[in-house]
Amino acid sequence: MRCSVNLLSALALMLGGPSWAACPTPDLLARLALMSKLPEPTVAAQLADDALLGPYARAHYPGAVHQASRVGSSHQRQVDEQWLSLVSPFIGEAAKAARQAAKFDGALLRLGSRQWQPADLDGLNLQQRLALQQGDKALLEALLWQQATLALAPTWLANQGWDKDKVACARALVENRLDRVWLMQHLGLSDDPHQESPVLRQLAKEVTADQIALYYRRHQDDFRQLAAVDARFFEGETQDSLVSLSPEPQRLARQDAQGDVLRTLAFVTPAKGRSAVIRLPSGRFGQVEVLARHYQSLAADSESVAFTARQAIAREKAKANWQALLQQLRREAK
């Protein structure tokens, strides 16, 4: 299934004008659809938005959009890696032949008169850097081969009939998508485990007490927490010995379970059910049967309620702002 000519034409215009008239080419669009497991019209629509949001991110956040984190790969390395993934089917045979001819001696990768060394590896993530420091030769070889592939791929693609515009198109598609993802994280639409969204943080600060109170009234079920359980606790020297035990039920408050493996298990075991038999730190065997669960609601003025409400309200605002931005960019592109 191919996307419409109108949608492809609109995307070509967004990507920069006449020299981009064939971007994305049908084979690139098909490749992206295969990678994402989405229909081509859906992918084309996403690319059209990428072509708006990527330049917006670079124009409005020039000092931040490509800033590397302490633990992640650099922006350029991410672009290179995803670009290689995109074009890999088009260079497969040439890359396979070159890989067979390449020689790795533990420090250098050689192919004909060319060579690549650890000093050529920029922008690695923290895990890769640590592994190389620990002497991981297999990783070093893989990274050097990746570097060699980056250097040789344009020639291999040219041999397949790709001109410079098509190579640049493939890179632009990748970079716009990466910058769109960064923008979504920055504006609070998605989470970055390494960096909090400053926009989401500010939106949360702007949430009022009245908004928190309204959110609490509308979402009271979200603020129920398991406070106590009625349960029977089985403990014996062997697993089989638990069968013959008949302990008395007892009510256990959550705070009384802290530090006790068997009692803590009662708070993750469904009501009217028995847990699996576990081996306790003492070496004995234990099992829990939960008879009932008792919940309590957090106080409306508790800090937990305030925090949860602020985050939820801020995320809704961030989503609304995102949709407004996207609609604005689409209107301006017409």
C-alpha atoms as a PDB file:
ATOM      1  CA  MET A   1       0.000   0.000   0.000  1.00  0.00           C
ATOM      2  CA  ARG A   2       1.479   3.354  -1.085  1.00  0.00           C
ATOM      3  CA  CYS A   3       0.799   6.736   0.419  1.00  0.00           C
ATOM      4  CA  SER A   4      -0.958   9.314  -1.663  1.00  0.00           C
ATOM      5  CA  VAL A   5       0.892  11.545  -4.090  1.00  0.00           C
ATOM      6  CA  ASN A   6      -0.483  14.608  -2.286  1.00  0.00           C
ATOM      7  CA  LEU A   7       0.953  13.524   1.059  1.00  0.00           C
ATOM      8  CA  LEU A   8       4.346  12.718  -0.437  1.00  0.00           C
ATOM      9  CA  SER A   9       4.377  16.043  -2.260  1.00  0.00           C
ATOM     10  CA  ALA A  10       3.545  17.923   0.926  1.00  0.00           C
ATOM     11  CA  LEU A  11       6.314  16.094   2.747  1.00  0.00           C
ATOM     12  CA  ALA A  12       8.789  16.925  -0.007  1.00  0.00           C
ATOM     13  CA  LEU A  13       7.973  20.622   0.285  1.00  0.00           C
ATOM     14  CA  MET A  14       8.365  20.539   4.058  1.00  0.00           C
ATOM     15  CA  LEU A  15      11.772  18.922   3.735  1.00  0.00           C
ATOM     16  CA  GLY A  16      13.139  21.851   1.845  1.00  0.00           C
ATOM     17  CA  GLY A  17      12.054  22.494  -1.693  1.00  0.00           C
ATOM     18  CA  PRO A  18      12.804  21.363  -5.240  1.00  0.00           C
ATOM     19  CA  SER A  19      16.056  19.474  -4.535  1.00  0.00           C
ATOM     20  CA  TRP A  20      14.059  17.313  -2.099  1.00  0.00           C
ATOM     21  CA  ALA A  21      11.250  16.575  -4.517  1.00  0.00           C
ATOM     22  CA  ALA A  22      11.789  12.809  -4.265  1.00  0.00           C
ATOM     23  CA  CYS A  23      12.249  12.654  -0.478  1.00  0.00           C
ATOM     24  CA  PRO A  24      11.336  10.219   0.849  1.00  0.00           C
ATOM     25  CA  THR A  25      11.753   7.953  -2.139  1.00  0.00           C
ATOM     26  CA  PRO A  26       9.378   4.981  -2.299  1.00  0.00           C
ATOM     27  CA  ASP A  27      12.117   2.553  -1.253  1.00  0.00           C
ATOM     28  CA  LEU A  28      13.019   4.633   1.821  1.00  0.00           C
ATOM     29  CA  LEU A  29       9.364   4.953   2.762  1.00  0.00           C
ATOM     30  CA  ALA A  30       8.894   1.199   2.379  1.00  0.00           C
ATOM     31  CA  ARG A  31      11.990   0.567   4.497  1.00  0.00           C
ATOM     32  CA  LEU A  32      10.756   2.853   7.287  1.00  0.00           C
ATOM     33  CA  ALA A  33       7.329   1.210   7.196  1.00  0.00           C
ATOM     34  CA  LEU A  34       8.978  -2.188   7.540  1.00  0.00           C
ATOM     35  CA  MET A  35      11.159  -1.014  10.433  1.00  0.00           C
ATOM     36  CA  SER A  36       8.244   0.528  12.305  1.00  0.00           C
ATOM     37  CA  LYS A  37       5.705  -2.175  11.346  1.00  0.00           C
ATOM     38  CA  LEU A  38       3.248   0.541  10.379  1.00  0.00           C
ATOM     39  CA  PRO A  39       1.368   1.212   7.122  1.00  0.00           C
ATOM     40  CA  GLU A  40       3.147   3.492   4.686  1.00  0.00           C
ATOM     41  CA  PRO A  41       0.491   6.254   4.852  1.00  0.00           C
ATOM     42  CA  THR A  42       0.929   6.376   8.638  1.00  0.00           C
ATOM     43  CA  VAL A  43       4.703   6.558   8.313  1.00  0.00           C
ATOM     44  CA  ALA A  44       4.462   9.275   5.668  1.00  0.00           C
ATOM     45  CA  ALA A  45       2.223  11.348   7.941  1.00  0.00           C
ATOM     46  CA  GLN A  46       4.702  10.907  10.795  1.00  0.00           C
ATOM     47  CA  LEU A  47       7.564  11.982   8.551  1.00  0.00           C
ATOM     48  CA  ALA A  48       5.628  15.087   7.558  1.00  0.00           C
ATOM     49  CA  ASP A  49       5.286  16.037  11.229  1.00  0.00           C
ATOM     50  CA  ASP A  50       8.953  15.165  11.828  1.00  0.00           C
ATOM     51  CA  ALA A  51       9.861  17.592   9.045  1.00  0.00           C
ATOM     52  CA  LEU A  52       8.061  20.350  10.962  1.00  0.00           C
ATOM     53  CA  LEU A  53       9.082  19.466  14.502  1.00  0.00           C
ATOM     54  CA  GLY A  54      12.757  18.705  13.854  1.00  0.00           C
ATOM     55  CA  PRO A  55      13.554  22.161  12.411  1.00  0.00           C
ATOM     56  CA  TYR A  56      11.393  23.763  15.135  1.00  0.00           C
ATOM     57  CA  ALA A  57      13.459  22.058  17.830  1.00  0.00           C
ATOM     58  CA  ARG A  58      16.742  23.129  16.240  1.00  0.00           C
ATOM     59  CA  ALA A  59      15.553  26.714  15.759  1.00  0.00           C
ATOM     60  CA  HIS A  60      14.097  27.236  19.229  1.00  0.00           C
ATOM     61  CA  TYR A  61      16.498  25.164  21.345  1.00  0.00           C
ATOM     62  CA  PRO A  62      19.809  25.374  19.448  1.00  0.00           C
ATOM     63  CA  GLY A  63      21.961  24.968  22.538  1.00  0.00           C
ATOM     64  CA  ALA A  64      20.099  22.016  23.976  1.00  0.00           C
ATOM     65  CA  VAL A  65      18.637  19.825  21.258  1.00  0.00           C
ATOM     66  CA  HIS A  66      21.929  18.106  20.398  1.00  0.00           C
ATOM     67  CA  GLN A  67      23.522  18.315  23.820  1.00  0.00           C
ATOM     68  CA  ALA A  68      24.896  14.934  24.875  1.00  0.00           C
ATOM     69  CA  SER A  69      23.931  13.394  28.198  1.00  0.00           C
ATOM     70  CA  ARG A  70      26.517  12.010  30.580  1.00  0.00           C
ATOM     71  CA  VAL A  71      25.438   8.436  29.957  1.00  0.00           C
ATOM     72  CA  GLY A  72      23.941   8.352  26.456  1.00  0.00           C
ATOM     73  CA  SER A  73      25.488   8.396  23.000  1.00  0.00           C
ATOM     74  CA  SER A  74      26.108  11.724  21.322  1.00  0.00           C
ATOM     75  CA  HIS A  75      23.524  13.071  18.924  1.00  0.00           C
ATOM     76  CA  GLN A  76      25.831  12.511  15.953  1.00  0.00           C
ATOM     77  CA  ARG A  77      26.428   8.888  16.903  1.00  0.00           C
ATOM     78  CA  GLN A  78      22.690   8.320  17.258  1.00  0.00           C
ATOM     79  CA  VAL A  79      22.125   9.818  13.818  1.00  0.00           C
ATOM     80  CA  ASP A  80      24.917   7.682  12.342  1.00  0.00           C
ATOM     81  CA  GLU A  81      23.665   4.466  13.935  1.00  0.00           C
ATOM     82  CA  GLN A  82      20.044   4.976  12.912  1.00  0.00           C
ATOM     83  CA  TRP A  83      21.060   6.079   9.424  1.00  0.00           C
ATOM     84  CA  LEU A  84      23.060   2.864   9.031  1.00  0.00           C
ATOM     85  CA  SER A  85      20.066   0.865  10.205  1.00  0.00           C
ATOM     86  CA  LEU A  86      17.897   2.626   7.623  1.00  0.00           C
ATOM     87  CA  VAL A  87      20.229   2.050   4.674  1.00  0.00           C
ATOM     88  CA  SER A  88      21.556  -1.383   5.669  1.00  0.00           C
ATOM     89  CA  PRO A  89      19.443  -3.372   3.139  1.00  0.00           C
ATOM     90  CA  PHE A  90      20.789  -1.203   0.322  1.00  0.00           C
ATOM     91  CA  ILE A  91      24.458  -1.888   1.139  1.00  0.00           C
ATOM     92  CA  GLY A  92      24.147  -5.477   2.282  1.00  0.00           C
ATOM     93  CA  GLU A  93      26.226  -7.259  -0.349  1.00  0.00           C
ATOM     94  CA  ALA A  94      28.992  -4.656  -0.447  1.00  0.00           C
ATOM     95  CA  ALA A  95      29.176  -4.530   3.343  1.00  0.00           C
ATOM     96  CA  LYS A  96      29.314  -8.322   3.576  1.00  0.00           C
ATOM     97  CA  ALA A  97      32.210  -8.539   1.135  1.00  0.00           C
ATOM     98  CA  ALA A  98      34.084  -5.734   2.884  1.00  0.00           C
ATOM     99  CA  ARG A  99      33.548  -7.317   6.284  1.00  0.00           C
ATOM    100  CA  GLN A 100      35.067 -10.573   5.099  1.00  0.00           C
ATOM    101  CA  ALA A 101      38.087  -8.715   3.748  1.00  0.00           C
ATOM    102  CA  ALA A 102      38.609  -6.532   6.841  1.00  0.00           C
ATOM    103  CA  LYS A 103      41.300  -7.496   9.355  1.00  0.00           C
ATOM    104  CA  PHE A 104      41.203  -6.753  13.089  1.00  0.00           C
ATOM    105  CA  ASP A 105      44.430  -7.174  15.073  1.00  0.00           C
ATOM    106  CA  GLY A 106      43.054  -6.323  18.512  1.00  0.00           C
ATOM    107  CA  ALA A 107      43.654  -2.583  18.174  1.00  0.00           C
ATOM    108  CA  LEU A 108      43.156  -1.589  14.539  1.00  0.00           C
ATOM    109  CA  LEU A 109      40.691  -2.517  11.819  1.00  0.00           C
ATOM    110  CA  ARG A 110      42.225  -2.574   8.343  1.00  0.00           C
ATOM    111  CA  LEU A 111      40.530  -2.755   4.976  1.00  0.00           C
ATOM    112  CA  GLY A 112      42.790  -2.349   1.991  1.00  0.00           C
ATOM    113  CA  SER A 113      44.798   0.830   2.464  1.00  0.00           C
ATOM    114  CA  ARG A 114      42.414   2.245   5.070  1.00  0.00           C
ATOM    115  CA  GLN A 115      42.361   1.683   8.801  1.00  0.00           C
ATOM    116  CA  TRP A 116      40.295   2.666  11.824  1.00  0.00           C
ATOM    117  CA  GLN A 117      41.442   2.885  15.445  1.00  0.00           C
ATOM    118  CA  PRO A 118      39.919   3.598  18.882  1.00  0.00           C
ATOM    119  CA  ALA A 119      40.705   7.312  18.529  1.00  0.00           C
ATOM    120  CA  ASP A 120      38.149   7.425  15.707  1.00  0.00           C
ATOM    121  CA  LEU A 121      35.318   6.467  18.075  1.00  0.00           C
ATOM    122  CA  ASP A 122      33.508   9.570  19.278  1.00  0.00           C
ATOM    123  CA  GLY A 123      30.288   9.987  21.222  1.00  0.00           C
ATOM    124  CA  LEU A 124      30.064   6.521  22.763  1.00  0.00           C
ATOM    125  CA  ASN A 125      27.610   5.908  25.562  1.00  0.00           C
ATOM    126  CA  LEU A 126      28.755   5.262  29.111  1.00  0.00           C
ATOM    127  CA  GLN A 127      28.294   1.501  28.912  1.00  0.00           C
ATOM    128  CA  GLN A 128      30.406   1.288  25.777  1.00  0.00           C
ATOM    129  CA  ARG A 129      33.136   3.488  27.259  1.00  0.00           C
ATOM    130  CA  LEU A 130      33.348   1.372  30.391  1.00  0.00           C
ATOM    131  CA  ALA A 131      33.425  -1.861  28.382  1.00  0.00           C
ATOM    132  CA  LEU A 132      36.283  -0.581  26.225  1.00  0.00           C
ATOM    133  CA  GLN A 133      38.205   0.501  29.320  1.00  0.00           C
ATOM    134  CA  GLN A 134      37.829  -3.058  30.581  1.00  0.00           C
ATOM    135  CA  GLY A 135      39.348  -4.416  27.373  1.00  0.00           C
ATOM    136  CA  ASP A 136      36.276  -5.702  25.528  1.00  0.00           C
ATOM    137  CA  LYS A 137      37.897  -6.547  22.182  1.00  0.00           C
ATOM    138  CA  ALA A 138      34.695  -7.881  20.604  1.00  0.00           C
ATOM    139  CA  LEU A 139      32.963  -4.567  21.225  1.00  0.00           C
ATOM    140  CA  LEU A 140      35.965  -2.639  19.938  1.00  0.00           C
ATOM    141  CA  GLU A 141      35.949  -4.636  16.723  1.00  0.00           C
ATOM    142  CA  ALA A 142      32.204  -4.110  16.264  1.00  0.00           C
ATOM    143  CA  LEU A 143      32.479  -0.366  16.844  1.00  0.00           C
ATOM    144  CA  LEU A 144      35.440  -0.008  14.484  1.00  0.00           C
ATOM    145  CA  TRP A 145      33.535  -1.935  11.826  1.00  0.00           C
ATOM    146  CA  GLN A 146      30.588   0.382  12.351  1.00  0.00           C
ATOM    147  CA  GLN A 147      32.939   3.344  11.868  1.00  0.00           C
ATOM    148  CA  ALA A 148      34.311   1.799   8.696  1.00  0.00           C
ATOM    149  CA  THR A 149      30.791   1.169   7.397  1.00  0.00           C
ATOM    150  CA  LEU A 150      29.881   4.818   7.989  1.00  0.00           C
ATOM    151  CA  ALA A 151      32.879   5.909   5.949  1.00  0.00           C
ATOM    152  CA  LEU A 152      32.275   3.478   3.086  1.00  0.00           C
ATOM    153  CA  ALA A 153      28.467   3.451   2.901  1.00  0.00           C
ATOM    154  CA  PRO A 154      28.154   6.615   0.741  1.00  0.00           C
ATOM    155  CA  THR A 155      30.340   4.983  -1.927  1.00  0.00           C
ATOM    156  CA  TRP A 156      28.394   1.731  -1.756  1.00  0.00           C
ATOM    157  CA  LEU A 157      25.116   3.640  -2.024  1.00  0.00           C
ATOM    158  CA  ALA A 158      26.434   5.629  -4.998  1.00  0.00           C
ATOM    159  CA  ASN A 159      27.213   2.312  -6.681  1.00  0.00           C
ATOM    160  CA  GLN A 160      23.538   1.430  -6.145  1.00  0.00           C
ATOM    161  CA  GLY A 161      22.487   4.612  -7.954  1.00  0.00           C
ATOM    162  CA  TRP A 162      21.973   6.877  -4.953  1.00  0.00           C
ATOM    163  CA  ASP A 163      22.831  10.530  -5.563  1.00  0.00           C
ATOM    164  CA  LYS A 164      23.916  12.940  -2.826  1.00  0.00           C
ATOM    165  CA  ASP A 165      20.378  14.259  -2.372  1.00  0.00           C
ATOM    166  CA  LYS A 166      19.038  10.806  -1.581  1.00  0.00           C
ATOM    167  CA  VAL A 167      21.829  10.160   0.933  1.00  0.00           C
ATOM    168  CA  ALA A 168      21.109  13.529   2.546  1.00  0.00           C
ATOM    169  CA  CYS A 169      17.394  12.776   2.512  1.00  0.00           C
ATOM    170  CA  ALA A 170      17.926   9.575   4.489  1.00  0.00           C
ATOM    171  CA  ARG A 171      19.982  11.457   7.067  1.00  0.00           C
ATOM    172  CA  ALA A 172      17.400  14.242   7.309  1.00  0.00           C
ATOM    173  CA  LEU A 173      14.640  11.722   7.961  1.00  0.00           C
ATOM    174  CA  VAL A 174      16.657  10.226  10.814  1.00  0.00           C
ATOM    175  CA  GLU A 175      17.736  13.547  12.314  1.00  0.00           C
ATOM    176  CA  ASN A 176      14.260  15.045  12.216  1.00  0.00           C
ATOM    177  CA  ARG A 177      12.874  11.999  14.018  1.00  0.00           C
ATOM    178  CA  LEU A 178      15.565  12.161  16.711  1.00  0.00           C
ATOM    179  CA  ASP A 179      14.977  15.872  17.218  1.00  0.00           C
ATOM    180  CA  ARG A 180      11.237  15.326  17.399  1.00  0.00           C
ATOM    181  CA  VAL A 181      11.787  12.701  20.128  1.00  0.00           C
ATOM    182  CA  TRP A 182      14.052  15.124  22.012  1.00  0.00           C
ATOM    183  CA  LEU A 183      11.429  17.864  21.701  1.00  0.00           C
ATOM    184  CA  MET A 184       8.719  15.591  23.077  1.00  0.00           C
ATOM    185  CA  GLN A 185      10.908  14.778  26.086  1.00  0.00           C
ATOM    186  CA  HIS A 186      11.846  18.413  26.601  1.00  0.00           C
ATOM    187  CA  LEU A 187       8.237  19.575  26.490  1.00  0.00           C
ATOM    188  CA  GLY A 188       7.094  16.847  28.873  1.00  0.00           C
ATOM    189  CA  LEU A 189       5.353  14.489  26.439  1.00  0.00           C
ATOM    190  CA  SER A 190       7.601  11.518  27.214  1.00  0.00           C
ATOM    191  CA  ASP A 191      10.051  10.549  29.917  1.00  0.00           C
ATOM    192  CA  ASP A 192      13.825  10.754  29.714  1.00  0.00           C
ATOM    193  CA  PRO A 193      15.348   8.559  32.454  1.00  0.00           C
ATOM    194  CA  HIS A 194      18.441  10.753  32.512  1.00  0.00           C
ATOM    195  CA  GLN A 195      16.950  14.227  32.502  1.00  0.00           C
ATOM    196  CA  GLU A 196      13.780  15.799  33.871  1.00  0.00           C
ATOM    197  CA  SER A 197      11.718  17.957  31.531  1.00  0.00           C
ATOM    198  CA  PRO A 198      12.153  21.610  32.562  1.00  0.00           C
ATOM    199  CA  VAL A 199       8.868  22.478  30.870  1.00  0.00           C
ATOM    200  CA  LEU A 200       6.962  19.790  32.763  1.00  0.00           C
ATOM    201  CA  ARG A 201       8.586  20.904  36.006  1.00  0.00           C
ATOM    202  CA  GLN A 202       7.435  24.484  35.432  1.00  0.00           C
ATOM    203  CA  LEU A 203       3.920  23.386  34.489  1.00  0.00           C
ATOM    204  CA  ALA A 204       3.732  21.379  37.719  1.00  0.00           C
ATOM    205  CA  LYS A 205       4.758  24.452  39.734  1.00  0.00           C
ATOM    206  CA  GLU A 206       1.898  26.418  38.186  1.00  0.00           C
ATOM    207  CA  VAL A 207      -0.789  23.969  39.346  1.00  0.00           C
ATOM    208  CA  THR A 208      -3.013  25.653  41.942  1.00  0.00           C
ATOM    209  CA  ALA A 209      -4.455  24.297  45.185  1.00  0.00           C
ATOM    210  CA  ASP A 210      -7.943  24.467  43.683  1.00  0.00           C
ATOM    211  CA  GLN A 211      -6.828  22.356  40.726  1.00  0.00           C
ATOM    212  CA  ILE A 212      -5.328  19.781  43.080  1.00  0.00           C
ATOM    213  CA  ALA A 213      -8.544  19.631  45.117  1.00  0.00           C
ATOM    214  CA  LEU A 214     -10.647  19.180  41.972  1.00  0.00           C
ATOM    215  CA  TYR A 215      -8.320  16.453  40.707  1.00  0.00           C
ATOM    216  CA  TYR A 216      -8.569  14.652  44.046  1.00  0.00           C
ATOM    217  CA  ARG A 217     -12.370  14.695  43.958  1.00  0.00           C
ATOM    218  CA  ARG A 218     -12.436  13.312  40.430  1.00  0.00           C
ATOM    219  CA  HIS A 219      -9.796  10.614  41.004  1.00  0.00           C
ATOM    220  CA  GLN A 220     -10.363   9.405  44.547  1.00  0.00           C
ATOM    221  CA  ASP A 221      -9.911   5.767  43.560  1.00  0.00           C
ATOM    222  CA  ASP A 222      -6.357   6.615  42.489  1.00  0.00           C
ATOM    223  CA  PHE A 223      -5.539   7.656  46.044  1.00  0.00           C
ATOM    224  CA  ARG A 224      -6.582   4.453  47.791  1.00  0.00           C
ATOM    225  CA  GLN A 225      -3.719   2.497  49.247  1.00  0.00           C
ATOM    226  CA  LEU A 226      -3.498  -0.925  50.805  1.00  0.00           C
ATOM    227  CA  ALA A 227      -3.231  -0.294  54.536  1.00  0.00           C
ATOM    228  CA  ALA A 228      -3.691  -3.723  56.111  1.00  0.00           C
ATOM    229  CA  VAL A 229      -4.416  -7.352  55.338  1.00  0.00           C
ATOM    230  CA  ASP A 230      -6.088 -10.232  57.112  1.00  0.00           C
ATOM    231  CA  ALA A 231      -3.848 -13.197  56.495  1.00  0.00           C
ATOM    232  CA  ARG A 232      -2.552 -16.513  57.700  1.00  0.00           C
ATOM    233  CA  PHE A 233       1.203 -17.046  57.785  1.00  0.00           C
ATOM    234  CA  PHE A 234       2.631 -20.529  57.286  1.00  0.00           C
ATOM    235  CA  GLU A 235       6.209 -21.297  58.260  1.00  0.00           C
ATOM    236  CA  GLY A 236       7.957 -24.664  58.593  1.00  0.00           C
ATOM    237  CA  GLU A 237      11.192 -26.602  58.274  1.00  0.00           C
ATOM    238  CA  THR A 238      10.155 -28.247  55.002  1.00  0.00           C
ATOM    239  CA  GLN A 239       7.841 -27.332  52.169  1.00  0.00           C
ATOM    240  CA  ASP A 240       5.641 -30.369  52.816  1.00  0.00           C
ATOM    241  CA  SER A 241       5.227 -29.435  56.481  1.00  0.00           C
ATOM    242  CA  LEU A 242       3.261 -26.320  55.529  1.00  0.00           C
ATOM    243  CA  VAL A 243       0.316 -28.447  54.373  1.00  0.00           C
ATOM    244  CA  SER A 244      -0.526 -29.650  57.882  1.00  0.00           C
ATOM    245  CA  LEU A 245      -0.291 -26.223  59.525  1.00  0.00           C
ATOM    246  CA  SER A 246      -3.403 -24.211  60.443  1.00  0.00           C
ATOM    247  CA  PRO A 247      -2.274 -20.849  61.817  1.00  0.00           C
ATOM    248  CA  GLU A 248      -4.771 -18.357  63.170  1.00  0.00           C
ATOM    249  CA  PRO A 249      -5.669 -15.374  60.957  1.00  0.00           C
ATOM    250  CA  GLN A 250      -4.217 -12.042  61.966  1.00  0.00           C
ATOM    251  CA  ARG A 251      -4.567  -8.482  60.828  1.00  0.00           C
ATOM    252  CA  LEU A 252      -1.302  -6.936  59.715  1.00  0.00           C
ATOM    253  CA  ALA A 253      -0.737  -3.213  59.092  1.00  0.00           C
ATOM    254  CA  ARG A 254       1.608  -2.274  56.278  1.00  0.00           C
ATOM    255  CA  GLN A 255       4.085  -0.556  58.583  1.00  0.00           C
ATOM    256  CA  ASP A 256       4.336  -3.721  60.688  1.00  0.00           C
ATOM    257  CA  ALA A 257       5.482  -5.734  57.675  1.00  0.00           C
ATOM    258  CA  GLN A 258       8.617  -3.699  56.976  1.00  0.00           C
ATOM    259  CA  GLY A 259      11.765  -5.772  57.134  1.00  0.00           C
ATOM    260  CA  ASP A 260       9.915  -9.102  57.298  1.00  0.00           C
ATOM    261  CA  VAL A 261       9.980 -11.089  54.050  1.00  0.00           C
ATOM    262  CA  LEU A 262       6.952 -13.288  54.780  1.00  0.00           C
ATOM    263  CA  ARG A 263       4.768 -10.459  56.019  1.00  0.00           C
ATOM    264  CA  THR A 264       5.761  -8.215  53.139  1.00  0.00           C
ATOM    265  CA  LEU A 265       4.652 -11.003  50.809  1.00  0.00           C
ATOM    266  CA  ALA A 266       1.118 -10.610  52.166  1.00  0.00           C
ATOM    267  CA  PHE A 267       0.869  -7.170  50.586  1.00  0.00           C
ATOM    268  CA  VAL A 268       1.583  -8.436  47.060  1.00  0.00           C
ATOM    269  CA  THR A 269      -0.574 -11.583  47.263  1.00  0.00           C
ATOM    270  CA  PRO A 270      -4.136 -11.262  45.918  1.00  0.00           C
ATOM    271  CA  ALA A 271      -7.037 -11.542  48.314  1.00  0.00           C
ATOM    272  CA  LYS A 272      -8.566 -15.020  48.646  1.00  0.00           C
ATOM    273  CA  GLY A 273      -5.331 -16.527  47.444  1.00  0.00           C
ATOM    274  CA  ARG A 274      -2.162 -18.214  48.589  1.00  0.00           C
ATOM    275  CA  SER A 275       1.308 -17.114  47.668  1.00  0.00           C
ATOM    276  CA  ALA A 276       3.914 -19.438  46.259  1.00  0.00           C
ATOM    277  CA  VAL A 277       6.049 -21.191  48.828  1.00  0.00           C
ATOM    278  CA  ILE A 278       9.255 -19.268  49.393  1.00  0.00           C
ATOM    279  CA  ARG A 279      12.547 -19.921  51.112  1.00  0.00           C
ATOM    280  CA  LEU A 280      13.030 -17.504  53.983  1.00  0.00           C
ATOM    281  CA  PRO A 281      16.368 -15.924  54.967  1.00  0.00           C
ATOM    282  CA  SER A 282      16.391 -18.253  57.995  1.00  0.00           C
ATOM    283  CA  GLY A 283      16.374 -21.269  55.684  1.00  0.00           C
ATOM    284  CA  ARG A 284      12.818 -22.233  56.614  1.00  0.00           C
ATOM    285  CA  PHE A 285       9.908 -22.309  54.186  1.00  0.00           C
ATOM    286  CA  GLY A 286       7.015 -19.867  54.202  1.00  0.00           C
ATOM    287  CA  GLN A 287       3.677 -19.196  52.563  1.00  0.00           C
ATOM    288  CA  VAL A 288       0.921 -16.596  52.961  1.00  0.00           C
ATOM    289  CA  GLU A 289      -2.823 -16.908  52.561  1.00  0.00           C
ATOM    290  CA  VAL A 290      -4.555 -13.540  52.263  1.00  0.00           C
ATOM    291  CA  LEU A 291      -8.156 -13.532  53.496  1.00  0.00           C
ATOM    292  CA  ALA A 292      -9.024  -9.858  53.023  1.00  0.00           C
ATOM    293  CA  ARG A 293      -7.487  -6.529  52.076  1.00  0.00           C
ATOM    294  CA  HIS A 294      -8.201  -3.216  53.776  1.00  0.00           C
ATOM    295  CA  TYR A 295      -7.713   0.088  51.993  1.00  0.00           C
ATOM    296  CA  GLN A 296      -7.615   3.673  53.121  1.00  0.00           C
ATOM    297  CA  SER A 297      -7.679   6.906  51.158  1.00  0.00           C
ATOM    298  CA  LEU A 298      -4.873   9.403  51.335  1.00  0.00           C
ATOM    299  CA  ALA A 299      -5.812  12.682  52.935  1.00  0.00           C
ATOM    300  CA  ALA A 300      -6.769  15.368  50.427  1.00  0.00           C
ATOM    301  CA  ASP A 301      -4.093  17.700  51.791  1.00  0.00           C
ATOM    302  CA  SER A 302      -1.284  15.107  51.825  1.00  0.00           C
ATOM    303  CA  GLU A 303       1.908  15.747  49.918  1.00  0.00           C
ATOM    304  CA  SER A 304       1.451  12.488  47.998  1.00  0.00           C
ATOM    305  CA  VAL A 305      -1.881  13.716  46.657  1.00  0.00           C
ATOM    306  CA  ALA A 306      -0.413  17.097  45.765  1.00  0.00           C
ATOM    307  CA  PHE A 307       2.557  15.578  43.952  1.00  0.00           C
ATOM    308  CA  THR A 308       0.463  13.087  41.988  1.00  0.00           C
ATOM    309  CA  ALA A 309      -2.085  15.733  41.020  1.00  0.00           C
ATOM    310  CA  ARG A 310       0.565  18.251  39.974  1.00  0.00           C
ATOM    311  CA  GLN A 311       2.257  15.710  37.719  1.00  0.00           C
ATOM    312  CA  ALA A 312      -0.994  14.518  36.153  1.00  0.00           C
ATOM    313  CA  ILE A 313      -2.307  18.024  35.534  1.00  0.00           C
ATOM    314  CA  ALA A 314       1.051  19.163  34.180  1.00  0.00           C
ATOM    315  CA  ARG A 315       1.149  16.237  31.743  1.00  0.00           C
ATOM    316  CA  GLU A 316      -2.330  17.020  30.485  1.00  0.00           C
ATOM    317  CA  LYS A 317      -1.298  20.626  29.936  1.00  0.00           C
ATOM    318  CA  ALA A 318       1.859  19.486  28.156  1.00  0.00           C
ATOM    319  CA  LYS A 319      -0.230  17.293  25.831  1.00  0.00           C
ATOM    320  CA  ALA A 320      -2.555  20.203  25.052  1.00  0.00           C
ATOM    321  CA  ASN A 321       0.403  22.500  24.370  1.00  0.00           C
ATOM    322  CA  TRP A 322       1.936  19.877  22.083  1.00  0.00           C
ATOM    323  CA  GLN A 323      -1.216  19.509  20.041  1.00  0.00           C
ATOM    324  CA  ALA A 324      -1.515  23.279  19.742  1.00  0.00           C
ATOM    325  CA  LEU A 325       2.092  23.541  18.557  1.00  0.00           C
ATOM    326  CA  LEU A 326       1.627  20.771  16.023  1.00  0.00           C
ATOM    327  CA  GLN A 327      -1.545  22.308  14.640  1.00  0.00           C
ATOM    328  CA  GLN A 328       0.182  25.701  14.383  1.00  0.00           C
ATOM    329  CA  LEU A 329       3.147  24.242  12.484  1.00  0.00           C
ATOM    330  CA  ARG A 330       0.838  22.367  10.130  1.00  0.00           C
ATOM    331  CA  ARG A 331      -1.127  25.535   9.377  1.00  0.00           C
ATOM    332  CA  GLU A 332       2.043  27.513   8.727  1.00  0.00           C
ATOM    333  CA  ALA A 333       3.307  24.815   6.350  1.00  0.00           C
ATOM    334  CA  LYS A 334       0.255  25.027   4.099  1.00  0.00           C
END
